[in-house]
Amino acid sequence: MSYISVSTWSLHRMLGPLRWTYWDADSTTHRTHVEDQPQTHSLLDLPGEAARRGYRAIEVCHFHFPSTDTTYLQDLRRSFDTSGIGFDTLLLDYGDLTAADETRRNADIRLFRDWIGIAAQCGANRIRLVAGEASPTDEQAIRRSAAALSELAEYAGILGVRVVTENFKPMTSTGESCLKLLDSAGSGVGMITDFGNFHGDAKYAEIAQIAPISSSIHAKPAYDDKGNPDEEEFARCLEAMPSDYDGAYVLIYDGPGDMWEGLERVKKLVESHIRQ
């Protein structure tokens, strides 16, 4: 049966500084830009807080990790275990497996491998890797991305972690390109469907295309300026889901006001759908 999860992105104004990874072409290395944010909860405290609020799992964005030292990762794993909350997915929010710059592409692959190791240490079941920035109609880029994802999935499998990607960034911006990518990558690579990342008239058909092969759904509504979800539009997204879907609905809220309160508004809508 499907269940309710939450992404740390939905609490990004409450979890302290954001640590964004970027590629510095001049020095041909990865760097980190730190964006200050208030801290209401530490990442170590979040599993217990999520459990108290009725969530069953969390997806953690990589930029919310204040440390990747072994001791910290063990503490984070312990926090999930103690709270009874699942660490479903580590969301690596950087990378381009289709970069024309071979130096950058190879460096990104090495970084992906490092984060797969981090995911294994802290007990994440899956890691979401970005497929690439190339056009969704670039067949050669799809094959290049699929080959890299397949190789990374084989490595991750040895460590007990499953590689997934998402309809996120240009390469996977259409249902058709998502299916082509997965067909080429093979069964070792999974998918996440994000309601907010498909657009236009084909949006709901595209959700229906890839949701059946997705391990989790990023349930992201559109909002008004007060943070109220567009219930009619969100219902169309939920109705596009297969009736036998049994994975996580990961609630996404990045609107104004208190983020827990915003999540509760989304949570009520998803719970109503699950009960149908």
Protein backbone atom coordinates (compact mmCIF):
# COMPACT_ATOMS: atom_id res chain seq x y z
CA MET A 1 0.00 0.00 0.00
CA SER A 2 1.25 3.49 -0.81
CA TYR A 3 2.40 5.74 2.02
CA ILE A 4 3.30 9.33 2.88
CA SER A 5 6.88 10.57 2.81
CA VAL A 6 8.48 14.02 2.82
CA SER A 7 11.42 15.59 1.03
CA THR A 8 13.86 17.77 2.94
CA TRP A 9 13.38 20.32 0.14
CA SER A 10 9.93 20.89 1.61
CA LEU A 11 11.64 22.05 4.81
CA HIS A 12 14.58 23.89 3.28
CA ARG A 13 13.85 27.10 5.21
CA MET A 14 14.09 25.16 8.49
CA LEU A 15 17.13 22.87 8.14
CA GLY A 16 20.00 25.33 8.16
CA PRO A 17 22.48 26.24 5.40
CA LEU A 18 22.13 24.80 1.89
CA ARG A 19 25.38 23.50 0.40
CA TRP A 20 25.08 23.74 -3.38
CA THR A 21 27.58 21.82 -5.53
CA TYR A 22 28.74 23.44 -8.77
CA TRP A 23 31.39 22.90 -11.42
CA ASP A 24 34.17 25.49 -11.60
CA ALA A 25 35.36 25.28 -15.20
CA ASP A 26 38.38 27.51 -14.55
CA SER A 27 39.83 25.19 -11.93
CA THR A 28 38.14 22.05 -13.36
CA THR A 29 36.88 21.00 -9.97
CA HIS A 30 33.70 20.83 -7.95
CA ARG A 31 33.07 23.58 -5.45
CA THR A 32 30.39 24.29 -2.85
CA HIS A 33 28.39 27.47 -2.43
CA VAL A 34 26.84 27.81 1.03
CA GLU A 35 23.48 29.59 1.21
CA ASP A 36 22.48 30.62 4.70
CA GLN A 37 19.07 29.46 5.94
CA PRO A 38 17.53 29.41 9.43
CA GLN A 39 17.69 26.17 11.40
CA THR A 40 14.65 24.95 13.32
CA HIS A 41 15.56 21.26 13.04
CA SER A 42 18.89 19.55 12.58
CA LEU A 43 19.00 16.77 10.01
CA LEU A 44 19.70 14.34 12.85
CA ASP A 45 16.50 15.43 14.62
CA LEU A 46 14.33 15.30 11.50
CA PRO A 47 13.46 11.57 11.45
CA GLY A 48 11.98 11.79 14.95
CA GLU A 49 10.06 14.94 14.09
CA ALA A 50 8.72 13.39 10.86
CA ALA A 51 7.61 10.28 12.75
CA ARG A 52 5.80 12.44 15.30
CA ARG A 53 3.91 14.13 12.47
CA GLY A 54 2.77 10.88 10.86
CA TYR A 55 5.29 10.41 8.03
CA ARG A 56 6.73 6.99 7.23
CA ALA A 57 9.82 7.97 5.24
CA ILE A 58 12.07 10.84 4.19
CA GLU A 59 13.99 11.74 1.05
CA VAL A 60 17.10 13.79 1.87
CA CYS A 61 18.64 16.30 -0.54
CA HIS A 62 22.43 16.15 -0.64
CA PHE A 63 22.78 19.87 0.08
CA HIS A 64 21.25 19.34 3.53
CA PHE A 65 24.15 17.17 4.72
CA PRO A 66 26.23 19.30 7.12
CA SER A 67 28.93 16.62 7.06
CA THR A 68 29.80 13.44 5.20
CA ASP A 69 32.25 12.19 7.81
CA THR A 70 31.78 8.53 8.71
CA THR A 71 30.84 9.33 12.31
CA TYR A 72 28.12 11.75 11.21
CA LEU A 73 26.73 9.32 8.63
CA GLN A 74 26.55 6.60 11.28
CA ASP A 75 24.71 9.00 13.59
CA LEU A 76 22.25 9.82 10.82
CA ARG A 77 21.64 6.14 10.12
CA ARG A 78 21.03 5.56 13.83
CA SER A 79 18.55 8.45 13.91
CA PHE A 80 16.48 6.85 11.13
CA ASP A 81 16.64 3.42 12.74
CA THR A 82 15.64 4.72 16.17
CA SER A 83 12.69 6.72 14.86
CA GLY A 84 11.36 3.87 12.69
CA ILE A 85 11.39 6.19 9.66
CA GLY A 86 12.59 4.88 6.29
CA PHE A 87 15.45 6.63 4.51
CA ASP A 88 14.01 6.01 1.08
CA THR A 89 16.20 8.13 -1.20
CA LEU A 90 19.23 10.38 -1.10
CA LEU A 91 18.57 13.06 -3.73
CA LEU A 92 21.82 14.14 -5.37
CA ASP A 93 20.81 17.47 -6.84
CA TYR A 94 23.79 18.04 -9.12
CA GLY A 95 25.44 16.52 -12.18
CA ASP A 96 25.35 16.20 -15.95
CA LEU A 97 26.03 12.80 -17.47
CA THR A 98 25.59 14.35 -20.92
CA ALA A 99 28.13 17.19 -20.55
CA ALA A 100 30.10 17.84 -23.73
CA ASP A 101 33.17 18.58 -21.60
CA GLU A 102 34.63 15.12 -20.99
CA THR A 103 36.68 16.36 -18.01
CA ARG A 104 33.56 17.65 -16.31
CA ARG A 105 31.51 14.53 -17.20
CA ASN A 106 34.13 12.17 -15.79
CA ALA A 107 34.48 14.29 -12.65
CA ASP A 108 30.70 14.17 -12.19
CA ILE A 109 30.72 10.38 -12.49
CA ARG A 110 33.42 10.19 -9.80
CA LEU A 111 31.33 12.49 -7.60
CA PHE A 112 28.29 10.29 -8.18
CA ARG A 113 30.28 7.28 -7.02
CA ASP A 114 31.34 9.15 -3.89
CA TRP A 115 27.72 9.97 -3.06
CA ILE A 116 26.66 6.38 -3.70
CA GLY A 117 29.13 5.44 -0.99
CA ILE A 118 27.67 8.11 1.29
CA ALA A 119 24.15 6.77 0.64
CA ALA A 120 25.30 3.28 1.61
CA GLN A 121 26.92 4.47 4.83
CA CYS A 122 23.88 6.38 6.08
CA GLY A 123 21.41 3.65 5.13
CA ALA A 124 19.60 5.18 2.15
CA ASN A 125 17.76 2.58 0.07
CA ARG A 126 18.18 4.54 -3.16
CA ILE A 127 20.09 7.45 -4.64
CA ARG A 128 18.56 9.77 -7.25
CA LEU A 129 21.06 10.78 -9.94
CA VAL A 130 20.41 13.49 -12.52
CA ALA A 131 20.35 12.01 -16.02
CA GLY A 132 21.65 15.10 -17.78
CA GLU A 133 21.16 18.54 -19.29
CA ALA A 134 21.07 17.57 -22.97
CA SER A 135 17.95 17.83 -25.09
CA PRO A 136 15.38 15.05 -24.60
CA THR A 137 15.51 14.43 -28.35
CA ASP A 138 19.29 13.90 -28.44
CA GLU A 139 19.47 10.14 -28.98
CA GLN A 140 23.23 9.98 -28.59
CA ALA A 141 23.06 11.84 -25.28
CA ILE A 142 20.33 9.47 -24.05
CA ARG A 143 22.55 6.48 -24.82
CA ARG A 144 25.55 8.14 -23.12
CA SER A 145 23.54 8.94 -20.01
CA ALA A 146 21.98 5.46 -19.93
CA ALA A 147 25.38 3.77 -20.18
CA ALA A 148 26.75 5.84 -17.30
CA LEU A 149 23.67 5.24 -15.15
CA SER A 150 23.84 1.50 -15.83
CA GLU A 151 27.50 1.38 -14.78
CA LEU A 152 26.79 3.42 -11.65
CA ALA A 153 23.82 1.18 -10.82
CA GLU A 154 26.07 -1.88 -10.98
CA TYR A 155 28.50 -0.25 -8.57
CA ALA A 156 25.69 0.90 -6.26
CA GLY A 157 24.18 -2.58 -6.21
CA ILE A 158 27.36 -3.97 -4.67
CA LEU A 159 26.88 -1.48 -1.82
CA GLY A 160 23.18 -2.29 -1.40
CA VAL A 161 21.86 0.93 -2.95
CA ARG A 162 19.54 1.23 -5.96
CA VAL A 163 20.13 3.98 -8.54
CA VAL A 164 17.09 5.93 -9.71
CA THR A 165 16.73 9.00 -11.85
CA GLU A 166 13.83 11.46 -12.23
CA ASN A 167 11.90 13.53 -14.75
CA PHE A 168 14.22 16.36 -13.70
CA LYS A 169 16.35 18.60 -15.96
CA PRO A 170 16.12 18.64 -19.79
CA MET A 171 17.23 15.07 -20.60
CA THR A 172 14.20 13.57 -18.84
CA SER A 173 11.74 16.41 -19.37
CA THR A 174 9.32 14.30 -21.45
CA GLY A 175 7.68 10.96 -20.78
CA GLU A 176 9.08 9.61 -24.03
CA SER A 177 12.69 10.49 -23.17
CA CYS A 178 12.30 8.95 -19.69
CA LEU A 179 11.13 5.67 -21.20
CA LYS A 180 13.91 5.66 -23.81
CA LEU A 181 16.51 6.30 -21.13
CA LEU A 182 15.29 3.49 -18.88
CA ASP A 183 14.95 1.08 -21.78
CA SER A 184 18.58 1.73 -22.71
CA ALA A 185 19.87 1.73 -19.12
CA GLY A 186 18.26 -1.58 -18.20
CA SER A 187 16.42 -2.81 -15.14
CA GLY A 188 19.15 -1.74 -12.72
CA VAL A 189 18.01 1.88 -12.98
CA GLY A 190 14.69 3.10 -11.56
CA MET A 191 12.61 6.27 -11.80
CA ILE A 192 10.95 8.98 -9.70
CA THR A 193 7.97 10.92 -11.07
CA ASP A 194 7.66 14.57 -10.04
CA PHE A 195 4.24 16.10 -10.71
CA GLY A 196 5.78 19.56 -11.01
CA ASN A 197 8.36 18.70 -13.66
CA PHE A 198 6.06 17.92 -16.58
CA HIS A 199 4.32 20.82 -18.28
CA GLY A 200 1.83 21.64 -21.00
CA ASP A 201 -1.07 19.69 -22.47
CA ALA A 202 0.75 16.35 -22.27
CA LYS A 203 1.53 16.62 -18.54
CA TYR A 204 -1.06 14.16 -17.21
CA ALA A 205 -0.47 11.61 -19.95
CA GLU A 206 3.26 11.78 -19.22
CA ILE A 207 2.66 11.21 -15.50
CA ALA A 208 0.60 8.17 -16.44
CA GLN A 209 3.46 6.98 -18.69
CA ILE A 210 6.19 6.82 -16.06
CA ALA A 211 4.36 6.57 -12.71
CA PRO A 212 3.85 2.79 -13.06
CA ILE A 213 7.63 2.29 -13.18
CA SER A 214 8.44 4.78 -10.40
CA SER A 215 9.58 3.94 -6.89
CA SER A 216 8.32 7.23 -5.50
CA ILE A 217 6.14 10.14 -6.53
CA HIS A 218 7.00 13.75 -5.77
CA ALA A 219 3.52 15.05 -5.02
CA LYS A 220 4.02 18.71 -5.83
CA PRO A 221 0.94 20.92 -6.32
CA ALA A 222 0.78 24.39 -7.81
CA TYR A 223 0.07 27.09 -5.17
CA ASP A 224 -1.46 30.53 -4.92
CA ASP A 225 0.40 33.40 -3.25
CA LYS A 226 -0.87 32.29 0.17
CA GLY A 227 0.41 28.74 -0.20
CA ASN A 228 -2.95 27.12 -0.91
CA PRO A 229 -2.73 24.21 -3.37
CA ASP A 230 -4.62 24.28 -6.65
CA GLU A 231 -6.79 21.33 -5.64
CA GLU A 232 -8.37 20.78 -9.06
CA GLU A 233 -5.02 20.64 -10.87
CA PHE A 234 -3.49 18.46 -8.14
CA ALA A 235 -6.43 16.06 -8.37
CA ARG A 236 -5.74 15.60 -12.10
CA CYS A 237 -2.15 14.60 -11.24
CA LEU A 238 -3.31 12.12 -8.62
CA GLU A 239 -5.94 10.70 -10.95
CA ALA A 240 -3.20 9.98 -13.51
CA MET A 241 -1.63 7.53 -11.04
CA PRO A 242 -2.12 3.78 -11.55
CA SER A 243 -4.67 2.30 -9.16
CA ASP A 244 -2.18 -0.32 -7.94
CA TYR A 245 0.65 2.10 -7.10
CA ASP A 246 2.17 1.03 -3.78
CA GLY A 247 5.20 3.32 -3.36
CA ALA A 248 5.79 6.59 -1.54
CA TYR A 249 3.99 9.86 -2.13
CA VAL A 250 6.75 12.31 -1.23
CA LEU A 251 5.14 15.61 -0.30
CA ILE A 252 6.68 18.73 -1.82
CA TYR A 253 5.92 22.18 -0.46
CA ASP A 254 8.05 25.22 -1.22
CA GLY A 255 5.40 27.92 -0.91
CA PRO A 256 5.16 30.81 1.55
CA GLY A 257 4.59 30.63 5.29
CA ASP A 258 5.26 27.83 7.74
CA MET A 259 6.49 24.83 5.77
CA TRP A 260 5.02 22.19 8.10
CA GLU A 261 1.61 23.87 7.79
CA GLY A 262 1.98 23.95 3.99
CA LEU A 263 2.84 20.26 4.02
CA GLU A 264 -0.26 19.49 6.07
CA ARG A 265 -2.44 21.02 3.35
CA VAL A 266 -0.82 18.78 0.75
CA LYS A 267 -0.93 15.78 3.10
CA LYS A 268 -4.70 15.98 3.50
CA LEU A 269 -5.21 15.89 -0.26
CA VAL A 270 -2.89 12.92 -0.77
CA GLU A 271 -4.35 10.97 2.14
CA SER A 272 -7.83 11.50 0.72
CA HIS A 273 -6.64 10.09 -2.59
CA ILE A 274 -4.99 7.07 -0.98
CA ARG A 275 -8.16 6.21 0.93
CA GLN A 276 -10.29 6.13 -2.23
